[in-house]
């Protein structure tokens, strides 16, 4: 592939990702993304659903190449279209408030009914969450993706369990129920793709792994989220021994500061 074409495709994938997040009192948002050399399908975002709730997702599409990137773009459009009205993540109704937010499990099952594997020959893993920015309640569903990580201000952290199989493989009837977690002030809720944990070091003949990722992010709690994610990416690059990767790596999350009367600025 000509270098100019490669750079254009790399930039096109990068442009799928957000350049800013909602302005929410007492919350801190951050994300980081390094596209692979081959092109694949990581997408993520944080967006406003209504005056009290935000949506958050991290998706990893199967396969590599420009086709995977285009499929990711179509998923992003589905999840975020017409957010000022009902949109795809909400259900319209005839009476006020006219729109109700779909649960993460409903979103996962609706996506799974699209026959993605049959139509496009692809499937994807995902965590989709709805966050009540007033009380810190996070409702989420994990579909074959890495477990969400919660980091506390006391140098403790854990992966939160639950979920079902990837979207597009027809596993909707086998899905577990959606999960909920109530955050405490100062907690961080973090999603990431397997490009991070699967990053391979020829020197040590090992992968970066979940445990090292958890310990690294827990040790960076005193930093801003943006600094923490940047430091993690630097550590992964040092571990691998180069700046490029065979798979996209993406990470996104937020820190909840506690209950607030003024939810959205």
C-alpha atoms as a PDB file:
ATOM      1  CA  UNK A   1       0.000   0.000   0.000  1.00  0.00           C
ATOM      2  CA  UNK A   2       1.376   3.462  -0.868  1.00  0.00           C
ATOM      3  CA  UNK A   3       2.457   5.421   2.189  1.00  0.00           C
ATOM      4  CA  UNK A   4       0.023   8.259   1.422  1.00  0.00           C
ATOM      5  CA  UNK A   5      -2.919   5.843   1.222  1.00  0.00           C
ATOM      6  CA  UNK A   6      -1.879   4.191   4.469  1.00  0.00           C
ATOM      7  CA  UNK A   7      -1.679   7.541   6.268  1.00  0.00           C
ATOM      8  CA  UNK A   8      -5.081   8.588   4.929  1.00  0.00           C
ATOM      9  CA  UNK A   9      -6.689   5.386   6.177  1.00  0.00           C
ATOM     10  CA  UNK A  10      -4.975   5.726   9.544  1.00  0.00           C
ATOM     11  CA  UNK A  11      -6.232   9.297   9.871  1.00  0.00           C
ATOM     12  CA  UNK A  12      -9.743   8.265   8.800  1.00  0.00           C
ATOM     13  CA  UNK A  13      -9.875   5.699  11.609  1.00  0.00           C
ATOM     14  CA  UNK A  14      -8.606   8.246  14.110  1.00  0.00           C
ATOM     15  CA  UNK A  15     -11.290  10.724  12.986  1.00  0.00           C
ATOM     16  CA  UNK A  16     -14.012   8.275  14.074  1.00  0.00           C
ATOM     17  CA  UNK A  17     -13.145   9.023  17.673  1.00  0.00           C
ATOM     18  CA  UNK A  18     -14.325  11.917  19.837  1.00  0.00           C
ATOM     19  CA  UNK A  19     -12.384  15.130  20.267  1.00  0.00           C
ATOM     20  CA  UNK A  20     -14.409  16.275  23.285  1.00  0.00           C
ATOM     21  CA  UNK A  21     -16.829  15.018  25.929  1.00  0.00           C
ATOM     22  CA  UNK A  22     -19.883  16.399  27.766  1.00  0.00           C
ATOM     23  CA  UNK A  23     -19.200  19.183  30.245  1.00  0.00           C
ATOM     24  CA  UNK A  24     -20.414  17.589  33.469  1.00  0.00           C
ATOM     25  CA  UNK A  25     -19.907  18.986  36.945  1.00  0.00           C
ATOM     26  CA  UNK A  26     -17.754  16.856  39.252  1.00  0.00           C
ATOM     27  CA  UNK A  27     -16.811  14.393  36.483  1.00  0.00           C
ATOM     28  CA  UNK A  28     -13.576  13.867  34.592  1.00  0.00           C
ATOM     29  CA  UNK A  29     -13.492  12.097  31.199  1.00  0.00           C
ATOM     30  CA  UNK A  30     -10.560  10.801  29.164  1.00  0.00           C
ATOM     31  CA  UNK A  31      -9.706   8.469  26.295  1.00  0.00           C
ATOM     32  CA  UNK A  32      -6.669   7.337  24.345  1.00  0.00           C
ATOM     33  CA  UNK A  33      -6.368   5.517  21.039  1.00  0.00           C
ATOM     34  CA  UNK A  34      -3.493   4.123  18.981  1.00  0.00           C
ATOM     35  CA  UNK A  35      -4.563   2.699  15.583  1.00  0.00           C
ATOM     36  CA  UNK A  36      -2.890  -0.474  14.399  1.00  0.00           C
ATOM     37  CA  UNK A  37      -0.705  -0.669  11.340  1.00  0.00           C
ATOM     38  CA  UNK A  38      -3.298  -2.851   9.584  1.00  0.00           C
ATOM     39  CA  UNK A  39      -6.545  -1.064  10.329  1.00  0.00           C
ATOM     40  CA  UNK A  40      -9.226  -2.529  12.530  1.00  0.00           C
ATOM     41  CA  UNK A  41     -12.342  -1.589  14.371  1.00  0.00           C
ATOM     42  CA  UNK A  42     -12.038  -0.038  17.834  1.00  0.00           C
ATOM     43  CA  UNK A  43     -14.547   2.752  18.482  1.00  0.00           C
ATOM     44  CA  UNK A  44     -15.605   4.492  21.698  1.00  0.00           C
ATOM     45  CA  UNK A  45     -17.391   7.561  22.992  1.00  0.00           C
ATOM     46  CA  UNK A  46     -19.129   9.291  25.882  1.00  0.00           C
ATOM     47  CA  UNK A  47     -22.278  11.245  25.020  1.00  0.00           C
ATOM     48  CA  UNK A  48     -25.245  12.919  26.693  1.00  0.00           C
ATOM     49  CA  UNK A  49     -28.501  10.929  26.736  1.00  0.00           C
ATOM     50  CA  UNK A  50     -30.554  13.411  28.776  1.00  0.00           C
ATOM     51  CA  UNK A  51     -30.045  15.908  31.579  1.00  0.00           C
ATOM     52  CA  UNK A  52     -29.261  13.175  34.114  1.00  0.00           C
ATOM     53  CA  UNK A  53     -27.613  10.382  32.125  1.00  0.00           C
ATOM     54  CA  UNK A  54     -24.672   9.831  29.801  1.00  0.00           C
ATOM     55  CA  UNK A  55     -23.915   6.895  27.509  1.00  0.00           C
ATOM     56  CA  UNK A  56     -20.488   5.292  27.321  1.00  0.00           C
ATOM     57  CA  UNK A  57     -19.209   2.513  25.063  1.00  0.00           C
ATOM     58  CA  UNK A  58     -16.079   0.717  23.905  1.00  0.00           C
ATOM     59  CA  UNK A  59     -16.437  -1.582  20.864  1.00  0.00           C
ATOM     60  CA  UNK A  60     -13.948  -3.877  19.118  1.00  0.00           C
ATOM     61  CA  UNK A  61     -15.018  -5.178  15.693  1.00  0.00           C
ATOM     62  CA  UNK A  62     -13.666  -8.506  14.453  1.00  0.00           C
ATOM     63  CA  UNK A  63     -11.119  -8.529  11.664  1.00  0.00           C
ATOM     64  CA  UNK A  64      -8.739  -5.955  10.270  1.00  0.00           C
ATOM     65  CA  UNK A  65      -8.531  -3.626   7.331  1.00  0.00           C
ATOM     66  CA  UNK A  66     -10.526  -0.756   5.958  1.00  0.00           C
ATOM     67  CA  UNK A  67     -13.762  -2.791   5.801  1.00  0.00           C
ATOM     68  CA  UNK A  68     -13.640  -3.291   9.579  1.00  0.00           C
ATOM     69  CA  UNK A  69     -13.153   0.448  10.015  1.00  0.00           C
ATOM     70  CA  UNK A  70     -16.158   1.211   7.799  1.00  0.00           C
ATOM     71  CA  UNK A  71     -18.286  -1.235   9.766  1.00  0.00           C
ATOM     72  CA  UNK A  72     -17.192   0.500  12.985  1.00  0.00           C
ATOM     73  CA  UNK A  73     -18.314   3.815  11.524  1.00  0.00           C
ATOM     74  CA  UNK A  74     -21.776   2.380  10.828  1.00  0.00           C
ATOM     75  CA  UNK A  75     -22.048   1.146  14.425  1.00  0.00           C
ATOM     76  CA  UNK A  76     -21.081   4.564  15.726  1.00  0.00           C
ATOM     77  CA  UNK A  77     -23.796   6.138  13.599  1.00  0.00           C
ATOM     78  CA  UNK A  78     -26.400   3.714  14.944  1.00  0.00           C
ATOM     79  CA  UNK A  79     -25.522   4.368  18.577  1.00  0.00           C
ATOM     80  CA  UNK A  80     -25.298   8.132  18.312  1.00  0.00           C
ATOM     81  CA  UNK A  81     -27.809   9.172  15.662  1.00  0.00           C
ATOM     82  CA  UNK A  82     -30.375  11.839  16.606  1.00  0.00           C
ATOM     83  CA  UNK A  83     -29.331  12.011  20.251  1.00  0.00           C
ATOM     84  CA  UNK A  84     -31.114  15.344  20.659  1.00  0.00           C
ATOM     85  CA  UNK A  85     -34.362  13.522  19.900  1.00  0.00           C
ATOM     86  CA  UNK A  86     -35.037   9.884  20.711  1.00  0.00           C
ATOM     87  CA  UNK A  87     -32.191   8.353  18.769  1.00  0.00           C
ATOM     88  CA  UNK A  88     -31.367   4.684  18.512  1.00  0.00           C
ATOM     89  CA  UNK A  89     -30.432   4.264  22.208  1.00  0.00           C
ATOM     90  CA  UNK A  90     -33.869   5.449  23.314  1.00  0.00           C
ATOM     91  CA  UNK A  91     -37.489   4.383  22.862  1.00  0.00           C
ATOM     92  CA  UNK A  92     -40.081   6.890  21.666  1.00  0.00           C
ATOM     93  CA  UNK A  93     -43.435   7.212  23.398  1.00  0.00           C
ATOM     94  CA  UNK A  94     -46.506   9.378  22.943  1.00  0.00           C
ATOM     95  CA  UNK A  95     -46.469  11.081  26.353  1.00  0.00           C
ATOM     96  CA  UNK A  96     -43.847  13.078  28.222  1.00  0.00           C
ATOM     97  CA  UNK A  97     -40.907  12.706  28.453  1.00  0.00           C
ATOM     98  CA  UNK A  98     -41.523  11.245  24.928  1.00  0.00           C
ATOM     99  CA  UNK A  99     -38.275   9.246  25.076  1.00  0.00           C
ATOM    100  CA  UNK A 100     -37.075   6.642  27.549  1.00  0.00           C
ATOM    101  CA  UNK A 101     -33.521   5.363  27.630  1.00  0.00           C
ATOM    102  CA  UNK A 102     -32.988   1.782  26.507  1.00  0.00           C
ATOM    103  CA  UNK A 103     -31.157  -0.362  29.033  1.00  0.00           C
ATOM    104  CA  UNK A 104     -27.688  -1.558  27.965  1.00  0.00           C
ATOM    105  CA  UNK A 105     -29.058  -5.108  27.707  1.00  0.00           C
ATOM    106  CA  UNK A 106     -31.826  -3.889  25.382  1.00  0.00           C
ATOM    107  CA  UNK A 107     -29.238  -2.125  23.224  1.00  0.00           C
ATOM    108  CA  UNK A 108     -27.142  -5.298  23.025  1.00  0.00           C
ATOM    109  CA  UNK A 109     -30.116  -7.468  22.091  1.00  0.00           C
ATOM    110  CA  UNK A 110     -31.346  -4.959  19.498  1.00  0.00           C
ATOM    111  CA  UNK A 111     -27.920  -4.919  17.865  1.00  0.00           C
ATOM    112  CA  UNK A 112     -27.798  -8.704  17.920  1.00  0.00           C
ATOM    113  CA  UNK A 113     -31.075  -8.929  15.972  1.00  0.00           C
ATOM    114  CA  UNK A 114     -29.445  -7.129  13.041  1.00  0.00           C
ATOM    115  CA  UNK A 115     -27.945 -10.432  11.707  1.00  0.00           C
ATOM    116  CA  UNK A 116     -24.548  -8.743  11.564  1.00  0.00           C
ATOM    117  CA  UNK A 117     -22.644 -11.964  10.900  1.00  0.00           C
ATOM    118  CA  UNK A 118     -24.954 -12.939   8.055  1.00  0.00           C
ATOM    119  CA  UNK A 119     -25.016  -9.495   6.432  1.00  0.00           C
ATOM    120  CA  UNK A 120     -21.456  -8.357   6.995  1.00  0.00           C
ATOM    121  CA  UNK A 121     -19.479 -11.436   8.025  1.00  0.00           C
ATOM    122  CA  UNK A 122     -18.460  -9.751  11.273  1.00  0.00           C
ATOM    123  CA  UNK A 123     -19.149  -9.728  14.993  1.00  0.00           C
ATOM    124  CA  UNK A 124     -17.963  -7.445  17.750  1.00  0.00           C
ATOM    125  CA  UNK A 125     -17.362  -7.215  21.456  1.00  0.00           C
ATOM    126  CA  UNK A 126     -18.727  -4.312  23.441  1.00  0.00           C
ATOM    127  CA  UNK A 127     -19.349  -2.715  26.788  1.00  0.00           C
ATOM    128  CA  UNK A 128     -22.203  -0.219  26.716  1.00  0.00           C
ATOM    129  CA  UNK A 129     -23.071   1.682  29.890  1.00  0.00           C
ATOM    130  CA  UNK A 130     -25.625   4.250  31.019  1.00  0.00           C
ATOM    131  CA  UNK A 131     -24.335   6.442  33.856  1.00  0.00           C
ATOM    132  CA  UNK A 132     -26.573   8.443  36.188  1.00  0.00           C
ATOM    133  CA  UNK A 133     -24.318  11.434  36.735  1.00  0.00           C
ATOM    134  CA  UNK A 134     -26.246  12.536  39.829  1.00  0.00           C
ATOM    135  CA  UNK A 135     -25.955   9.421  41.998  1.00  0.00           C
ATOM    136  CA  UNK A 136     -23.108   7.452  40.328  1.00  0.00           C
ATOM    137  CA  UNK A 137     -25.205   4.423  39.379  1.00  0.00           C
ATOM    138  CA  UNK A 138     -23.740   2.688  36.310  1.00  0.00           C
ATOM    139  CA  UNK A 139     -25.951   0.261  34.377  1.00  0.00           C
ATOM    140  CA  UNK A 140     -23.945  -1.668  31.797  1.00  0.00           C
ATOM    141  CA  UNK A 141     -23.798  -4.736  29.632  1.00  0.00           C
ATOM    142  CA  UNK A 142     -20.613  -6.528  28.592  1.00  0.00           C
ATOM    143  CA  UNK A 143     -20.788  -8.544  25.367  1.00  0.00           C
ATOM    144  CA  UNK A 144     -17.586 -10.599  25.085  1.00  0.00           C
ATOM    145  CA  UNK A 145     -15.421  -7.556  25.841  1.00  0.00           C
ATOM    146  CA  UNK A 146     -12.766  -7.071  28.504  1.00  0.00           C
ATOM    147  CA  UNK A 147     -14.260  -6.627  31.966  1.00  0.00           C
ATOM    148  CA  UNK A 148     -14.741  -3.005  33.086  1.00  0.00           C
ATOM    149  CA  UNK A 149     -12.187  -1.841  35.658  1.00  0.00           C
ATOM    150  CA  UNK A 150     -13.131   0.233  38.708  1.00  0.00           C
ATOM    151  CA  UNK A 151     -10.263   2.026  40.463  1.00  0.00           C
ATOM    152  CA  UNK A 152     -10.810   3.470  43.957  1.00  0.00           C
ATOM    153  CA  UNK A 153      -8.985   6.261  45.773  1.00  0.00           C
ATOM    154  CA  UNK A 154      -7.568   3.853  48.398  1.00  0.00           C
ATOM    155  CA  UNK A 155      -5.156   2.092  45.989  1.00  0.00           C
ATOM    156  CA  UNK A 156      -7.695  -0.673  45.449  1.00  0.00           C
ATOM    157  CA  UNK A 157      -9.292  -1.790  42.173  1.00  0.00           C
ATOM    158  CA  UNK A 158     -11.250  -4.643  40.693  1.00  0.00           C
ATOM    159  CA  UNK A 159     -12.710  -5.930  37.454  1.00  0.00           C
ATOM    160  CA  UNK A 160     -16.501  -6.089  37.613  1.00  0.00           C
ATOM    161  CA  UNK A 161     -17.902  -9.403  36.461  1.00  0.00           C
ATOM    162  CA  UNK A 162     -20.856 -10.492  34.324  1.00  0.00           C
ATOM    163  CA  UNK A 163     -22.029 -10.345  30.755  1.00  0.00           C
ATOM    164  CA  UNK A 164     -22.504 -12.594  27.757  1.00  0.00           C
ATOM    165  CA  UNK A 165     -21.056 -13.431  24.366  1.00  0.00           C
ATOM    166  CA  UNK A 166     -20.118 -11.117  21.491  1.00  0.00           C
ATOM    167  CA  UNK A 167     -22.716  -9.310  19.382  1.00  0.00           C
ATOM    168  CA  UNK A 168     -23.510 -10.898  16.018  1.00  0.00           C
ATOM    169  CA  UNK A 169     -23.113 -14.572  16.873  1.00  0.00           C
ATOM    170  CA  UNK A 170     -26.787 -15.155  17.668  1.00  0.00           C
ATOM    171  CA  UNK A 171     -26.256 -15.653  21.380  1.00  0.00           C
ATOM    172  CA  UNK A 172     -29.018 -13.294  22.537  1.00  0.00           C
ATOM    173  CA  UNK A 173     -31.076 -16.088  24.136  1.00  0.00           C
ATOM    174  CA  UNK A 174     -28.067 -17.108  26.208  1.00  0.00           C
ATOM    175  CA  UNK A 175     -27.324 -13.612  27.463  1.00  0.00           C
ATOM    176  CA  UNK A 176     -26.876 -12.948  31.144  1.00  0.00           C
ATOM    177  CA  UNK A 177     -28.817 -10.058  32.637  1.00  0.00           C
ATOM    178  CA  UNK A 178     -27.429  -6.541  32.621  1.00  0.00           C
ATOM    179  CA  UNK A 179     -25.247  -5.387  35.488  1.00  0.00           C
ATOM    180  CA  UNK A 180     -25.279  -2.383  37.818  1.00  0.00           C
ATOM    181  CA  UNK A 181     -22.590  -0.895  40.006  1.00  0.00           C
ATOM    182  CA  UNK A 182     -22.908   2.032  42.422  1.00  0.00           C
ATOM    183  CA  UNK A 183     -19.787   4.175  42.387  1.00  0.00           C
ATOM    184  CA  UNK A 184     -18.379   5.988  45.399  1.00  0.00           C
ATOM    185  CA  UNK A 185     -17.028   9.534  45.084  1.00  0.00           C
ATOM    186  CA  UNK A 186     -13.608   9.408  43.447  1.00  0.00           C
ATOM    187  CA  UNK A 187     -14.129   6.065  41.703  1.00  0.00           C
ATOM    188  CA  UNK A 188     -12.891   5.610  38.142  1.00  0.00           C
ATOM    189  CA  UNK A 189     -14.828   3.458  35.652  1.00  0.00           C
ATOM    190  CA  UNK A 190     -12.598   2.337  32.747  1.00  0.00           C
ATOM    191  CA  UNK A 191     -13.205   0.388  29.526  1.00  0.00           C
ATOM    192  CA  UNK A 192     -10.483  -0.876  27.174  1.00  0.00           C
ATOM    193  CA  UNK A 193      -9.984  -3.135  24.165  1.00  0.00           C
ATOM    194  CA  UNK A 194      -7.944  -6.338  24.046  1.00  0.00           C
ATOM    195  CA  UNK A 195      -5.300  -4.636  21.922  1.00  0.00           C
ATOM    196  CA  UNK A 196      -3.879  -3.427  25.229  1.00  0.00           C
ATOM    197  CA  UNK A 197      -3.923  -6.687  27.143  1.00  0.00           C
ATOM    198  CA  UNK A 198      -2.852  -8.795  24.128  1.00  0.00           C
ATOM    199  CA  UNK A 199       0.126  -6.553  23.285  1.00  0.00           C
ATOM    200  CA  UNK A 200       3.024  -8.987  22.857  1.00  0.00           C
ATOM    201  CA  UNK A 201       6.631  -8.648  23.977  1.00  0.00           C
ATOM    202  CA  UNK A 202       9.084 -10.807  21.966  1.00  0.00           C
ATOM    203  CA  UNK A 203      11.716 -10.127  24.608  1.00  0.00           C
ATOM    204  CA  UNK A 204       9.751 -11.764  27.422  1.00  0.00           C
ATOM    205  CA  UNK A 205       7.559 -13.983  25.213  1.00  0.00           C
ATOM    206  CA  UNK A 206       4.499 -12.734  27.090  1.00  0.00           C
ATOM    207  CA  UNK A 207       1.479 -10.481  26.751  1.00  0.00           C
ATOM    208  CA  UNK A 208       0.783  -7.312  28.692  1.00  0.00           C
ATOM    209  CA  UNK A 209      -2.197  -8.894  30.419  1.00  0.00           C
ATOM    210  CA  UNK A 210      -5.045  -7.836  32.668  1.00  0.00           C
ATOM    211  CA  UNK A 211      -3.077  -7.927  35.909  1.00  0.00           C
ATOM    212  CA  UNK A 212      -0.355  -5.572  34.718  1.00  0.00           C
ATOM    213  CA  UNK A 213      -2.940  -3.207  33.251  1.00  0.00           C
ATOM    214  CA  UNK A 214      -4.877  -3.124  36.526  1.00  0.00           C
ATOM    215  CA  UNK A 215      -1.769  -2.530  38.620  1.00  0.00           C
ATOM    216  CA  UNK A 216      -0.533   0.212  36.276  1.00  0.00           C
ATOM    217  CA  UNK A 217      -3.814   2.135  36.286  1.00  0.00           C
ATOM    218  CA  UNK A 218      -4.259   1.686  40.037  1.00  0.00           C
ATOM    219  CA  UNK A 219      -0.770   3.068  40.609  1.00  0.00           C
ATOM    220  CA  UNK A 220      -1.610   6.103  38.449  1.00  0.00           C
ATOM    221  CA  UNK A 221      -4.715   7.078  40.434  1.00  0.00           C
ATOM    222  CA  UNK A 222      -3.174  10.336  41.689  1.00  0.00           C
ATOM    223  CA  UNK A 223      -2.721  11.503  38.068  1.00  0.00           C
ATOM    224  CA  UNK A 224      -5.468  12.944  35.930  1.00  0.00           C
ATOM    225  CA  UNK A 225      -7.237  10.330  33.842  1.00  0.00           C
ATOM    226  CA  UNK A 226      -5.651  11.724  30.698  1.00  0.00           C
ATOM    227  CA  UNK A 227      -2.193  11.460  32.268  1.00  0.00           C
ATOM    228  CA  UNK A 228      -2.959   7.977  33.581  1.00  0.00           C
ATOM    229  CA  UNK A 229      -4.025   6.694  30.166  1.00  0.00           C
ATOM    230  CA  UNK A 230      -1.025   8.301  28.447  1.00  0.00           C
ATOM    231  CA  UNK A 231       1.322   6.714  30.979  1.00  0.00           C
ATOM    232  CA  UNK A 232      -0.332   3.340  30.411  1.00  0.00           C
ATOM    233  CA  UNK A 233       0.160   3.593  26.638  1.00  0.00           C
ATOM    234  CA  UNK A 234       3.814   4.531  27.189  1.00  0.00           C
ATOM    235  CA  UNK A 235       4.255   1.495  29.443  1.00  0.00           C
ATOM    236  CA  UNK A 236       2.676  -0.802  26.842  1.00  0.00           C
ATOM    237  CA  UNK A 237       4.975   0.582  24.129  1.00  0.00           C
ATOM    238  CA  UNK A 238       8.001   0.028  26.381  1.00  0.00           C
ATOM    239  CA  UNK A 239       6.787  -3.503  27.116  1.00  0.00           C
ATOM    240  CA  UNK A 240       6.363  -4.319  23.412  1.00  0.00           C
ATOM    241  CA  UNK A 241       9.573  -2.551  22.451  1.00  0.00           C
ATOM    242  CA  UNK A 242       8.107  -0.451  19.632  1.00  0.00           C
ATOM    243  CA  UNK A 243       5.545   2.276  18.974  1.00  0.00           C
ATOM    244  CA  UNK A 244       3.312   0.340  16.564  1.00  0.00           C
ATOM    245  CA  UNK A 245       0.863  -2.470  17.289  1.00  0.00           C
ATOM    246  CA  UNK A 246      -0.771  -5.316  15.387  1.00  0.00           C
ATOM    247  CA  UNK A 247      -4.202  -4.375  16.790  1.00  0.00           C
ATOM    248  CA  UNK A 248      -5.941  -1.131  17.706  1.00  0.00           C
ATOM    249  CA  UNK A 249      -5.598  -0.163  21.346  1.00  0.00           C
ATOM    250  CA  UNK A 250      -8.252   1.987  22.959  1.00  0.00           C
ATOM    251  CA  UNK A 251      -9.164   3.021  26.475  1.00  0.00           C
ATOM    252  CA  UNK A 252     -11.916   5.303  27.747  1.00  0.00           C
ATOM    253  CA  UNK A 253     -13.361   6.131  31.152  1.00  0.00           C
ATOM    254  CA  UNK A 254     -14.439   8.651  33.710  1.00  0.00           C
ATOM    255  CA  UNK A 255     -13.947   9.640  37.331  1.00  0.00           C
ATOM    256  CA  UNK A 256     -17.094  10.367  39.336  1.00  0.00           C
ATOM    257  CA  UNK A 257     -16.705  13.134  41.885  1.00  0.00           C
ATOM    258  CA  UNK A 258     -19.870  12.555  43.883  1.00  0.00           C
ATOM    259  CA  UNK A 259     -23.476  13.695  43.940  1.00  0.00           C
ATOM    260  CA  UNK A 260     -24.111  17.090  42.376  1.00  0.00           C
ATOM    261  CA  UNK A 261     -27.176  19.311  42.116  1.00  0.00           C
ATOM    262  CA  UNK A 262     -25.841  20.760  38.883  1.00  0.00           C
ATOM    263  CA  UNK A 263     -25.474  17.733  36.674  1.00  0.00           C
ATOM    264  CA  UNK A 264     -24.708  19.192  33.278  1.00  0.00           C
ATOM    265  CA  UNK A 265     -22.951  22.516  32.784  1.00  0.00           C
END
